[in-house]
PDB file of all heavy atoms in Angstrom:
ATOM      1  N   PHE A   1    -130.788 -76.811 -63.742  1.00  0.00           N
ATOM      2  CA  PHE A   1    -129.502 -76.114 -63.894  1.00  0.00           C
ATOM      3  C   PHE A   1    -128.427 -77.137 -64.257  1.00  0.00           C
ATOM      4  O   PHE A   1    -128.566 -78.331 -63.976  1.00  0.00           O
ATOM      5  CB  PHE A   1    -129.093 -75.327 -62.645  1.00  0.00           C
ATOM      6  CG  PHE A   1    -128.839 -76.130 -61.415  1.00  0.00           C
ATOM      7  CD1 PHE A   1    -127.589 -76.746 -61.189  1.00  0.00           C
ATOM      8  CD2 PHE A   1    -129.825 -76.314 -60.454  1.00  0.00           C
ATOM      9  CE1 PHE A   1    -127.328 -77.477 -60.057  1.00  0.00           C
ATOM     10  CE2 PHE A   1    -129.594 -77.048 -59.305  1.00  0.00           C
ATOM     11  CZ  PHE A   1    -128.339 -77.658 -59.126  1.00  0.00           C
ATOM     12  N   ARG A   2    -127.392 -76.618 -64.917  1.00  0.00           N
ATOM     13  CA  ARG A   2    -126.267 -77.426 -65.240  1.00  0.00           C
ATOM     14  C   ARG A   2    -125.005 -76.523 -65.114  1.00  0.00           C
ATOM     15  O   ARG A   2    -124.879 -75.578 -65.823  1.00  0.00           O
ATOM     16  CB  ARG A   2    -126.335 -77.987 -66.648  1.00  0.00           C
ATOM     17  CG  ARG A   2    -125.219 -78.990 -66.917  1.00  0.00           C
ATOM     18  CD  ARG A   2    -125.270 -79.660 -68.273  1.00  0.00           C
ATOM     19  NE  ARG A   2    -124.100 -80.516 -68.391  1.00  0.00           N
ATOM     20  CZ  ARG A   2    -123.611 -80.925 -69.522  1.00  0.00           C
ATOM     21  NH1 ARG A   2    -124.118 -80.500 -70.647  1.00  0.00           N
ATOM     22  NH2 ARG A   2    -122.544 -81.710 -69.522  1.00  0.00           N
ATOM     23  N   ARG A   3    -124.198 -76.851 -64.158  1.00  0.00           N
ATOM     24  CA  ARG A   3    -122.975 -76.086 -63.813  1.00  0.00           C
ATOM     25  C   ARG A   3    -123.316 -74.927 -62.881  1.00  0.00           C
ATOM     26  O   ARG A   3    -124.260 -74.163 -63.084  1.00  0.00           O
ATOM     27  CB  ARG A   3    -122.246 -75.562 -65.074  1.00  0.00           C
ATOM     28  CG  ARG A   3    -121.773 -76.667 -65.974  1.00  0.00           C
ATOM     29  CD  ARG A   3    -121.097 -76.088 -67.216  1.00  0.00           C
ATOM     30  NE  ARG A   3    -119.914 -75.313 -66.878  1.00  0.00           N
ATOM     31  CZ  ARG A   3    -118.713 -75.834 -66.660  1.00  0.00           C
ATOM     32  NH1 ARG A   3    -118.533 -77.158 -66.712  1.00  0.00           N
ATOM     33  NH2 ARG A   3    -117.647 -75.063 -66.386  1.00  0.00           N
ATOM     34  N   ALA A   4    -122.545 -74.864 -61.797  1.00  0.00           N
ATOM     35  CA  ALA A   4    -122.689 -73.801 -60.806  1.00  0.00           C
ATOM     36  C   ALA A   4    -121.312 -73.213 -60.495  1.00  0.00           C
ATOM     37  O   ALA A   4    -120.275 -73.821 -60.782  1.00  0.00           O
ATOM     38  CB  ALA A   4    -123.340 -74.347 -59.520  1.00  0.00           C
ATOM     39  N   ARG A   5    -121.371 -72.056 -59.885  1.00  0.00           N
ATOM     40  CA  ARG A   5    -120.133 -71.339 -59.579  1.00  0.00           C
ATOM     41  C   ARG A   5    -119.544 -71.865 -58.264  1.00  0.00           C
ATOM     42  O   ARG A   5    -119.638 -71.265 -57.204  1.00  0.00           O
ATOM     43  CB  ARG A   5    -120.404 -69.828 -59.443  1.00  0.00           C
ATOM     44  CG  ARG A   5    -119.137 -68.963 -59.568  1.00  0.00           C
ATOM     45  CD  ARG A   5    -119.471 -67.526 -59.237  1.00  0.00           C
ATOM     46  NE  ARG A   5    -120.565 -66.999 -60.046  1.00  0.00           N
ATOM     47  CZ  ARG A   5    -120.381 -66.516 -61.286  1.00  0.00           C
ATOM     48  NH1 ARG A   5    -119.207 -66.451 -61.824  1.00  0.00           N
ATOM     49  NH2 ARG A   5    -121.435 -66.037 -61.980  1.00  0.00           N
ATOM     50  N   ILE A   6    -118.903 -73.027 -58.372  1.00  0.00           N
ATOM     51  CA  ILE A   6    -118.348 -73.713 -57.202  1.00  0.00           C
ATOM     52  C   ILE A   6    -117.260 -74.655 -57.602  1.00  0.00           C
ATOM     53  O   ILE A   6    -117.316 -75.257 -58.667  1.00  0.00           O
ATOM     54  CB  ILE A   6    -119.467 -74.480 -56.413  1.00  0.00           C
ATOM     55  CG1 ILE A   6    -118.886 -75.256 -55.248  1.00  0.00           C
ATOM     56  CG2 ILE A   6    -120.189 -75.420 -57.359  1.00  0.00           C
ATOM     57  CD1 ILE A   6    -119.894 -76.017 -54.433  1.00  0.00           C
ATOM     58  N   GLN A   7    -116.252 -74.781 -56.762  1.00  0.00           N
ATOM     59  CA  GLN A   7    -115.261 -75.834 -56.890  1.00  0.00           C
ATOM     60  C   GLN A   7    -115.149 -76.526 -55.522  1.00  0.00           C
ATOM     61  O   GLN A   7    -115.124 -75.831 -54.501  1.00  0.00           O
ATOM     62  CB  GLN A   7    -113.918 -75.279 -57.286  1.00  0.00           C
ATOM     63  CG  GLN A   7    -113.797 -74.844 -58.721  1.00  0.00           C
ATOM     64  CD  GLN A   7    -112.408 -74.335 -59.084  1.00  0.00           C
ATOM     65  OE1 GLN A   7    -111.724 -73.790 -58.236  1.00  0.00           O
ATOM     66  NE2 GLN A   7    -112.020 -74.551 -60.337  1.00  0.00           N
ATOM     67  N   PRO A   8    -115.111 -77.797 -55.487  1.00  0.00           N
ATOM     68  CA  PRO A   8    -115.264 -78.744 -56.620  1.00  0.00           C
ATOM     69  C   PRO A   8    -116.740 -78.996 -56.948  1.00  0.00           C
ATOM     70  O   PRO A   8    -117.603 -78.630 -56.207  1.00  0.00           O
ATOM     71  CB  PRO A   8    -114.594 -80.018 -56.106  1.00  0.00           C
ATOM     72  CG  PRO A   8    -114.937 -79.976 -54.614  1.00  0.00           C
ATOM     73  CD  PRO A   8    -114.928 -78.555 -54.208  1.00  0.00           C
ATOM     74  N   GLY A   9    -116.929 -79.607 -58.103  1.00  0.00           N
ATOM     75  CA  GLY A   9    -118.276 -80.027 -58.506  1.00  0.00           C
ATOM     76  C   GLY A   9    -118.998 -79.022 -59.378  1.00  0.00           C
ATOM     77  O   GLY A   9    -120.231 -79.035 -59.415  1.00  0.00           O
ATOM     78  N   THR A  10    -118.257 -78.226 -60.138  1.00  0.00           N
ATOM     79  CA  THR A  10    -118.890 -77.231 -61.020  1.00  0.00           C
ATOM     80  C   THR A  10    -119.956 -77.843 -61.957  1.00  0.00           C
ATOM     81  O   THR A  10    -120.998 -77.241 -62.163  1.00  0.00           O
ATOM     82  CB  THR A  10    -117.801 -76.533 -61.886  1.00  0.00           C
ATOM     83  OG1 THR A  10    -116.801 -75.998 -61.017  1.00  0.00           O
ATOM     84  CG2 THR A  10    -118.404 -75.425 -62.695  1.00  0.00           C
ATOM     85  N   PRO A  11    -119.736 -79.075 -62.531  1.00  0.00           N
ATOM     86  CA  PRO A  11    -120.721 -79.604 -63.479  1.00  0.00           C
ATOM     87  C   PRO A  11    -122.013 -80.165 -62.846  1.00  0.00           C
ATOM     88  O   PRO A  11    -122.860 -80.690 -63.596  1.00  0.00           O
ATOM     89  CB  PRO A  11    -119.941 -80.740 -64.191  1.00  0.00           C
ATOM     90  CG  PRO A  11    -118.526 -80.539 -63.837  1.00  0.00           C
ATOM     91  CD  PRO A  11    -118.528 -79.899 -62.496  1.00  0.00           C
ATOM     92  N   THR A  12    -122.159 -80.099 -61.541  1.00  0.00           N
ATOM     93  CA  THR A  12    -123.375 -80.655 -60.929  1.00  0.00           C
ATOM     94  C   THR A  12    -124.624 -80.184 -61.685  1.00  0.00           C
ATOM     95  O   THR A  12    -124.769 -78.988 -62.010  1.00  0.00           O
ATOM     96  CB  THR A  12    -123.455 -80.202 -59.436  1.00  0.00           C
ATOM     97  OG1 THR A  12    -122.376 -80.769 -58.723  1.00  0.00           O
ATOM     98  CG2 THR A  12    -124.784 -80.666 -58.830  1.00  0.00           C
ATOM     99  N   THR A  13    -125.511 -81.131 -61.887  1.00  0.00           N
ATOM    100  CA  THR A  13    -126.703 -80.902 -62.698  1.00  0.00           C
ATOM    101  C   THR A  13    -127.928 -81.328 -61.931  1.00  0.00           C
ATOM    102  O   THR A  13    -127.907 -82.307 -61.176  1.00  0.00           O
ATOM    103  CB  THR A  13    -126.601 -81.676 -64.031  1.00  0.00           C
ATOM    104  OG1 THR A  13    -125.489 -81.247 -64.778  1.00  0.00           O
ATOM    105  CG2 THR A  13    -127.874 -81.544 -64.859  1.00  0.00           C
ATOM    106  N   ALA A  14    -129.031 -80.595 -62.088  1.00  0.00           N
ATOM    107  CA  ALA A  14    -130.300 -80.989 -61.480  1.00  0.00           C
ATOM    108  C   ALA A  14    -131.400 -80.960 -62.529  1.00  0.00           C
ATOM    109  O   ALA A  14    -131.456 -80.095 -63.374  1.00  0.00           O
ATOM    110  CB  ALA A  14    -130.632 -80.040 -60.334  1.00  0.00           C
ATOM    111  N   SER A  15    -132.281 -81.957 -62.400  1.00  0.00           N
ATOM    112  CA  SER A  15    -133.386 -82.040 -63.358  1.00  0.00           C
ATOM    113  C   SER A  15    -134.613 -82.607 -62.642  1.00  0.00           C
ATOM    114  O   SER A  15    -134.558 -83.087 -61.519  1.00  0.00           O
ATOM    115  CB  SER A  15    -132.981 -82.936 -64.555  1.00  0.00           C
ATOM    116  OG  SER A  15    -132.556 -84.226 -64.079  1.00  0.00           O
ATOM    117  N   VAL A  16    -135.746 -82.547 -63.362  1.00  0.00           N
ATOM    118  CA  VAL A  16    -137.005 -83.056 -62.811  1.00  0.00           C
ATOM    119  C   VAL A  16    -137.663 -83.946 -63.845  1.00  0.00           C
ATOM    120  O   VAL A  16    -137.738 -83.599 -65.035  1.00  0.00           O
ATOM    121  CB  VAL A  16    -137.956 -81.899 -62.477  1.00  0.00           C
ATOM    122  CG1 VAL A  16    -139.283 -82.430 -61.917  1.00  0.00           C
ATOM    123  CG2 VAL A  16    -137.342 -80.972 -61.461  1.00  0.00           C
ATOM    124  N   LYS A  17    -138.149 -85.109 -63.389  1.00  0.00           N
ATOM    125  CA  LYS A  17    -138.887 -86.010 -64.215  1.00  0.00           C
ATOM    126  C   LYS A  17    -140.109 -86.513 -63.439  1.00  0.00           C
ATOM    127  O   LYS A  17    -139.948 -87.084 -62.350  1.00  0.00           O
ATOM    128  CB  LYS A  17    -138.023 -87.182 -64.695  1.00  0.00           C
ATOM    129  CG  LYS A  17    -138.783 -88.240 -65.453  1.00  0.00           C
ATOM    130  CD  LYS A  17    -139.355 -87.761 -66.802  1.00  0.00           C
ATOM    131  CE  LYS A  17    -140.035 -88.932 -67.531  1.00  0.00           C
ATOM    132  NZ  LYS A  17    -140.722 -88.444 -68.759  1.00  0.00           N
ATOM    133  N   ASP A  18    -141.297 -86.282 -63.980  1.00  0.00           N
ATOM    134  CA  ASP A  18    -142.510 -86.735 -63.340  1.00  0.00           C
ATOM    135  C   ASP A  18    -142.608 -86.228 -61.880  1.00  0.00           C
ATOM    136  O   ASP A  18    -143.025 -86.943 -60.960  1.00  0.00           O
ATOM    137  CB  ASP A  18    -142.662 -88.274 -63.359  1.00  0.00           C
ATOM    138  CG  ASP A  18    -142.701 -88.807 -64.761  1.00  0.00           C
ATOM    139  OD1 ASP A  18    -143.208 -88.090 -65.667  1.00  0.00           O
ATOM    140  OD2 ASP A  18    -142.239 -89.946 -64.987  1.00  0.00           O
ATOM    141  N   GLY A  19    -142.193 -84.976 -61.680  1.00  0.00           N
ATOM    142  CA  GLY A  19    -142.282 -84.396 -60.353  1.00  0.00           C
ATOM    143  C   GLY A  19    -141.221 -84.782 -59.340  1.00  0.00           C
ATOM    144  O   GLY A  19    -141.235 -84.354 -58.224  1.00  0.00           O
ATOM    145  N   LYS A  20    -140.259 -85.598 -59.825  1.00  0.00           N
ATOM    146  CA  LYS A  20    -139.199 -86.089 -58.920  1.00  0.00           C
ATOM    147  C   LYS A  20    -137.848 -85.495 -59.357  1.00  0.00           C
ATOM    148  O   LYS A  20    -137.519 -85.449 -60.519  1.00  0.00           O
ATOM    149  CB  LYS A  20    -139.126 -87.630 -58.942  1.00  0.00           C
ATOM    150  CG  LYS A  20    -140.400 -88.275 -58.386  1.00  0.00           C
ATOM    151  CD  LYS A  20    -140.262 -89.824 -58.420  1.00  0.00           C
ATOM    152  CE  LYS A  20    -141.519 -90.459 -57.868  1.00  0.00           C
ATOM    153  NZ  LYS A  20    -141.423 -91.957 -57.894  1.00  0.00           N
ATOM    154  N   LEU A  21    -137.098 -85.057 -58.354  1.00  0.00           N
ATOM    155  CA  LEU A  21    -135.799 -84.474 -58.614  1.00  0.00           C
ATOM    156  C   LEU A  21    -134.762 -85.514 -58.934  1.00  0.00           C
ATOM    157  O   LEU A  21    -134.745 -86.594 -58.300  1.00  0.00           O
ATOM    158  CB  LEU A  21    -135.342 -83.663 -57.412  1.00  0.00           C
ATOM    159  CG  LEU A  21    -136.040 -82.328 -57.143  1.00  0.00           C
ATOM    160  CD1 LEU A  21    -135.451 -81.673 -55.892  1.00  0.00           C
ATOM    161  CD2 LEU A  21    -135.908 -81.366 -58.321  1.00  0.00           C
ATOM    162  N   ILE A  22    -133.875 -85.183 -59.854  1.00  0.00           N
ATOM    163  CA  ILE A  22    -132.703 -85.981 -60.156  1.00  0.00           C
ATOM    164  C   ILE A  22    -131.519 -85.060 -59.911  1.00  0.00           C
ATOM    165  O   ILE A  22    -131.353 -84.022 -60.570  1.00  0.00           O
ATOM    166  CB  ILE A  22    -132.657 -86.511 -61.562  1.00  0.00           C
ATOM    167  CG1 ILE A  22    -133.922 -87.349 -61.848  1.00  0.00           C
ATOM    168  CG2 ILE A  22    -131.392 -87.377 -61.796  1.00  0.00           C
ATOM    169  CD1 ILE A  22    -134.084 -87.692 -63.328  1.00  0.00           C
ATOM    170  N   LEU A  23    -130.681 -85.384 -58.903  1.00  0.00           N
ATOM    171  CA  LEU A  23    -129.486 -84.584 -58.607  1.00  0.00           C
ATOM    172  C   LEU A  23    -128.278 -85.334 -59.085  1.00  0.00           C
ATOM    173  O   LEU A  23    -127.958 -86.426 -58.540  1.00  0.00           O
ATOM    174  CB  LEU A  23    -129.415 -84.349 -57.092  1.00  0.00           C
ATOM    175  CG  LEU A  23    -128.286 -83.457 -56.582  1.00  0.00           C
ATOM    176  CD1 LEU A  23    -128.348 -82.063 -57.172  1.00  0.00           C
ATOM    177  CD2 LEU A  23    -128.333 -83.370 -55.073  1.00  0.00           C
ATOM    178  N   SER A  24    -127.590 -84.807 -60.089  1.00  0.00           N
ATOM    179  CA  SER A  24    -126.486 -85.516 -60.723  1.00  0.00           C
ATOM    180  C   SER A  24    -125.166 -84.884 -60.292  1.00  0.00           C
ATOM    181  O   SER A  24    -124.861 -83.715 -60.633  1.00  0.00           O
ATOM    182  CB  SER A  24    -126.628 -85.455 -62.237  1.00  0.00           C
ATOM    183  OG  SER A  24    -127.834 -86.117 -62.651  1.00  0.00           O
ATOM    184  N   LEU A  25    -124.368 -85.643 -59.524  1.00  0.00           N
ATOM    185  CA  LEU A  25    -123.138 -85.144 -58.921  1.00  0.00           C
ATOM    186  C   LEU A  25    -121.929 -85.647 -59.649  1.00  0.00           C
ATOM    187  O   LEU A  25    -122.012 -86.599 -60.436  1.00  0.00           O
ATOM    188  CB  LEU A  25    -123.077 -85.625 -57.473  1.00  0.00           C
ATOM    189  CG  LEU A  25    -124.272 -85.351 -56.539  1.00  0.00           C
ATOM    190  CD1 LEU A  25    -124.112 -86.048 -55.192  1.00  0.00           C
ATOM    191  CD2 LEU A  25    -124.498 -83.879 -56.401  1.00  0.00           C
ATOM    192  N   SER A  26    -120.807 -85.033 -59.383  1.00  0.00           N
ATOM    193  CA  SER A  26    -119.531 -85.480 -59.934  1.00  0.00           C
ATOM    194  C   SER A  26    -119.201 -86.898 -59.471  1.00  0.00           C
ATOM    195  O   SER A  26    -119.650 -87.328 -58.402  1.00  0.00           O
ATOM    196  CB  SER A  26    -118.421 -84.536 -59.480  1.00  0.00           C
ATOM    197  OG  SER A  26    -117.165 -85.037 -59.782  1.00  0.00           O
ATOM    198  N   GLY A  27    -118.397 -87.596 -60.240  1.00  0.00           N
ATOM    199  CA  GLY A  27    -117.924 -88.929 -59.868  1.00  0.00           C
ATOM    200  C   GLY A  27    -116.749 -88.876 -58.925  1.00  0.00           C
ATOM    201  O   GLY A  27    -116.409 -89.880 -58.283  1.00  0.00           O
ATOM    202  N   ASN A  28    -116.083 -87.712 -58.796  1.00  0.00           N
ATOM    203  CA  ASN A  28    -114.997 -87.564 -57.815  1.00  0.00           C
ATOM    204  C   ASN A  28    -115.590 -87.527 -56.425  1.00  0.00           C
ATOM    205  O   ASN A  28    -116.498 -86.728 -56.139  1.00  0.00           O
ATOM    206  CB  ASN A  28    -114.226 -86.278 -58.078  1.00  0.00           C
ATOM    207  CG  ASN A  28    -113.240 -86.412 -59.218  1.00  0.00           C
ATOM    208  OD1 ASN A  28    -112.607 -87.438 -59.394  1.00  0.00           O
ATOM    209  ND2 ASN A  28    -113.163 -85.364 -60.073  1.00  0.00           N
ATOM    210  N   PRO A  29    -115.123 -88.381 -55.537  1.00  0.00           N
ATOM    211  CA  PRO A  29    -115.801 -88.528 -54.225  1.00  0.00           C
ATOM    212  C   PRO A  29    -115.902 -87.228 -53.439  1.00  0.00           C
ATOM    213  O   PRO A  29    -117.000 -86.912 -52.934  1.00  0.00           O
ATOM    214  CB  PRO A  29    -114.887 -89.550 -53.478  1.00  0.00           C
ATOM    215  CG  PRO A  29    -114.274 -90.334 -54.573  1.00  0.00           C
ATOM    216  CD  PRO A  29    -114.050 -89.394 -55.687  1.00  0.00           C
ATOM    217  N   TYR A  30    -114.866 -86.445 -53.332  1.00  0.00           N
ATOM    218  CA  TYR A  30    -114.962 -85.233 -52.525  1.00  0.00           C
ATOM    219  C   TYR A  30    -115.892 -84.252 -53.149  1.00  0.00           C
ATOM    220  O   TYR A  30    -116.705 -83.589 -52.452  1.00  0.00           O
ATOM    221  CB  TYR A  30    -113.554 -84.589 -52.358  1.00  0.00           C
ATOM    222  CG  TYR A  30    -113.636 -83.330 -51.520  1.00  0.00           C
ATOM    223  CD1 TYR A  30    -113.911 -83.354 -50.163  1.00  0.00           C
ATOM    224  CD2 TYR A  30    -113.401 -82.062 -52.108  1.00  0.00           C
ATOM    225  CE1 TYR A  30    -114.016 -82.210 -49.388  1.00  0.00           C
ATOM    226  CE2 TYR A  30    -113.465 -80.925 -51.370  1.00  0.00           C
ATOM    227  CZ  TYR A  30    -113.779 -80.983 -50.003  1.00  0.00           C
ATOM    228  OH  TYR A  30    -113.859 -79.842 -49.263  1.00  0.00           O
ATOM    229  N   ALA A  31    -115.838 -84.084 -54.472  1.00  0.00           N
ATOM    230  CA  ALA A  31    -116.767 -83.169 -55.155  1.00  0.00           C
ATOM    231  C   ALA A  31    -118.216 -83.636 -54.966  1.00  0.00           C
ATOM    232  O   ALA A  31    -119.126 -82.823 -54.741  1.00  0.00           O
ATOM    233  CB  ALA A  31    -116.439 -83.125 -56.652  1.00  0.00           C
ATOM    234  N   ALA A  32    -118.436 -84.958 -54.990  1.00  0.00           N
ATOM    235  CA  ALA A  32    -119.790 -85.494 -54.786  1.00  0.00           C
ATOM    236  C   ALA A  32    -120.259 -85.179 -53.364  1.00  0.00           C
ATOM    237  O   ALA A  32    -121.413 -84.748 -53.153  1.00  0.00           O
ATOM    238  CB  ALA A  32    -119.814 -86.973 -55.036  1.00  0.00           C
ATOM    239  N   ILE A  33    -119.377 -85.368 -52.362  1.00  0.00           N
ATOM    240  CA  ILE A  33    -119.732 -85.088 -50.971  1.00  0.00           C
ATOM    241  C   ILE A  33    -120.107 -83.634 -50.768  1.00  0.00           C
ATOM    242  O   ILE A  33    -121.138 -83.302 -50.167  1.00  0.00           O
ATOM    243  CB  ILE A  33    -118.583 -85.503 -50.049  1.00  0.00           C
ATOM    244  CG1 ILE A  33    -118.424 -87.018 -50.030  1.00  0.00           C
ATOM    245  CG2 ILE A  33    -118.841 -84.985 -48.608  1.00  0.00           C
ATOM    246  CD1 ILE A  33    -117.142 -87.481 -49.339  1.00  0.00           C
TER     247      ILE A  33
END
């Protein structure tokens, strides 16, 4: 997925490579938390 219905951190993205999750968070600290 890319982008979720949430503030902050709407652009959060998740992907999978070789069976391992990559969770990509915002660079803004509070949104990342």
